[in-house]
């Protein structure tokens, strides 16, 4: 069964913190990844995070913590998923390809954030 998205949640989170240009990139990501399995997305997260600086990965983890603390905004199931994807972020990855990405929402860092949110807010699990 294809996975359904809580598109409103993705758009609310994204439009609150992204510029119009970033939102266009975000929509491209949605189109590319919307029908991919969780396994595929997890492989992508592991691959993409090597291109994201340790500083940005720490920011993503911190923002996930804040998201999990938003009672009434996320349910217990979403909180468990937030914890799961947070554990996918390898902050201590000594094989990181780049420490050059200074912008939080730029290139690989934006894609990593998008993939983390997709895993969290999908309504159906797809393997």
Protein backbone atom coordinates (compact mmCIF):
# COMPACT_ATOMS: atom_id res chain seq x y z
CA UNK A 1 0.00 0.00 0.00
CA UNK A 2 1.49 3.37 -0.92
CA UNK A 3 2.39 5.57 1.95
CA UNK A 4 0.21 8.54 2.74
CA UNK A 5 1.68 11.82 3.90
CA UNK A 6 0.49 14.30 6.42
CA UNK A 7 1.31 16.98 3.86
CA UNK A 8 -0.06 19.75 6.04
CA UNK A 9 2.47 18.93 8.78
CA UNK A 10 5.37 18.91 6.32
CA UNK A 11 4.26 22.20 4.80
CA UNK A 12 3.65 23.87 8.16
CA UNK A 13 7.09 22.92 9.45
CA UNK A 14 8.79 23.76 6.20
CA UNK A 15 7.10 27.02 5.33
CA UNK A 16 7.68 28.35 8.83
CA UNK A 17 11.47 28.13 8.46
CA UNK A 18 12.26 28.02 4.75
CA UNK A 19 12.50 30.74 2.14
CA UNK A 20 10.43 30.56 -1.06
CA UNK A 21 13.50 29.27 -2.92
CA UNK A 22 14.07 26.58 -0.30
CA UNK A 23 10.39 25.62 -0.44
CA UNK A 24 10.71 25.02 -4.19
CA UNK A 25 13.66 22.72 -3.52
CA UNK A 26 11.66 21.03 -0.77
CA UNK A 27 8.79 20.38 -3.20
CA UNK A 28 11.26 18.81 -5.66
CA UNK A 29 12.46 16.52 -2.88
CA UNK A 30 8.86 15.56 -2.09
CA UNK A 31 8.21 14.62 -5.70
CA UNK A 32 11.43 12.59 -5.94
CA UNK A 33 11.10 10.71 -2.64
CA UNK A 34 7.36 10.50 -1.94
CA UNK A 35 6.95 6.94 -3.24
CA UNK A 36 10.24 5.55 -1.95
CA UNK A 37 10.34 2.94 0.78
CA UNK A 38 11.54 3.67 4.31
CA UNK A 39 14.53 1.42 3.69
CA UNK A 40 15.49 3.51 0.69
CA UNK A 41 15.05 6.74 2.64
CA UNK A 42 17.19 5.43 5.50
CA UNK A 43 19.95 4.52 3.03
CA UNK A 44 19.68 8.04 1.60
CA UNK A 45 19.91 9.57 5.09
CA UNK A 46 23.06 7.58 5.78
CA UNK A 47 24.56 8.60 2.43
CA UNK A 48 23.56 12.26 2.50
CA UNK A 49 24.64 12.96 6.07
CA UNK A 50 28.27 12.33 5.05
CA UNK A 51 28.00 15.56 3.05
CA UNK A 52 26.63 17.55 5.99
CA UNK A 53 28.87 19.22 8.52
CA UNK A 54 28.94 17.98 12.10
CA UNK A 55 27.67 21.40 13.19
CA UNK A 56 24.59 21.11 10.97
CA UNK A 57 23.91 17.53 12.06
CA UNK A 58 23.99 18.73 15.67
CA UNK A 59 21.49 21.46 14.76
CA UNK A 60 19.20 18.90 13.12
CA UNK A 61 19.36 16.71 16.26
CA UNK A 62 18.65 19.73 18.48
CA UNK A 63 15.67 20.74 16.33
CA UNK A 64 14.33 17.18 16.45
CA UNK A 65 14.54 17.31 20.25
CA UNK A 66 12.57 20.55 20.24
CA UNK A 67 10.02 19.08 17.86
CA UNK A 68 9.52 16.08 20.17
CA UNK A 69 8.82 18.42 23.10
CA UNK A 70 5.91 20.12 21.35
CA UNK A 71 3.06 18.51 23.29
CA UNK A 72 -0.19 18.70 21.40
CA UNK A 73 1.71 19.18 18.16
CA UNK A 74 3.14 15.65 17.90
CA UNK A 75 1.65 12.47 19.30
CA UNK A 76 3.47 9.65 21.11
CA UNK A 77 3.93 7.67 17.90
CA UNK A 78 5.55 10.67 16.19
CA UNK A 79 7.77 11.20 19.23
CA UNK A 80 9.03 7.61 18.91
CA UNK A 81 9.70 8.20 15.22
CA UNK A 82 11.55 11.44 16.03
CA UNK A 83 13.76 9.53 18.45
CA UNK A 84 14.34 6.85 15.82
CA UNK A 85 15.43 9.27 13.08
CA UNK A 86 17.53 11.25 15.54
CA UNK A 87 19.47 8.06 16.18
CA UNK A 88 20.11 7.75 12.44
CA UNK A 89 22.13 10.97 12.55
CA UNK A 90 25.75 10.05 13.04
CA UNK A 91 27.23 13.16 14.61
CA UNK A 92 30.54 11.44 15.34
CA UNK A 93 31.01 10.20 11.78
CA UNK A 94 34.74 10.40 11.18
CA UNK A 95 34.13 9.64 7.50
CA UNK A 96 32.19 12.84 6.94
CA UNK A 97 33.01 14.04 3.45
CA UNK A 98 32.60 17.71 4.18
CA UNK A 99 32.76 20.23 6.95
CA UNK A 100 32.25 22.96 4.37
CA UNK A 101 28.51 23.36 4.43
CA UNK A 102 27.91 26.41 6.59
CA UNK A 103 24.23 27.02 5.91
CA UNK A 104 21.70 25.01 7.87
CA UNK A 105 19.28 24.81 4.95
CA UNK A 106 21.56 24.45 1.99
CA UNK A 107 22.12 21.52 -0.35
CA UNK A 108 22.71 18.25 1.47
CA UNK A 109 21.66 19.69 4.82
CA UNK A 110 18.24 20.65 3.46
CA UNK A 111 17.84 17.21 1.89
CA UNK A 112 18.81 15.52 5.16
CA UNK A 113 16.23 17.60 7.08
CA UNK A 114 13.59 16.76 4.47
CA UNK A 115 14.29 13.01 4.65
CA UNK A 116 14.14 13.05 8.44
CA UNK A 117 10.74 14.76 8.35
CA UNK A 118 9.40 12.35 5.74
CA UNK A 119 10.26 9.36 7.93
CA UNK A 120 8.60 11.04 10.93
CA UNK A 121 5.38 12.23 9.34
CA UNK A 122 4.48 9.47 6.90
CA UNK A 123 1.27 7.86 8.00
CA UNK A 124 1.76 4.37 6.51
CA UNK A 125 4.92 2.32 6.70
CA UNK A 126 6.31 1.19 3.39
CA UNK A 127 9.14 -1.32 3.11
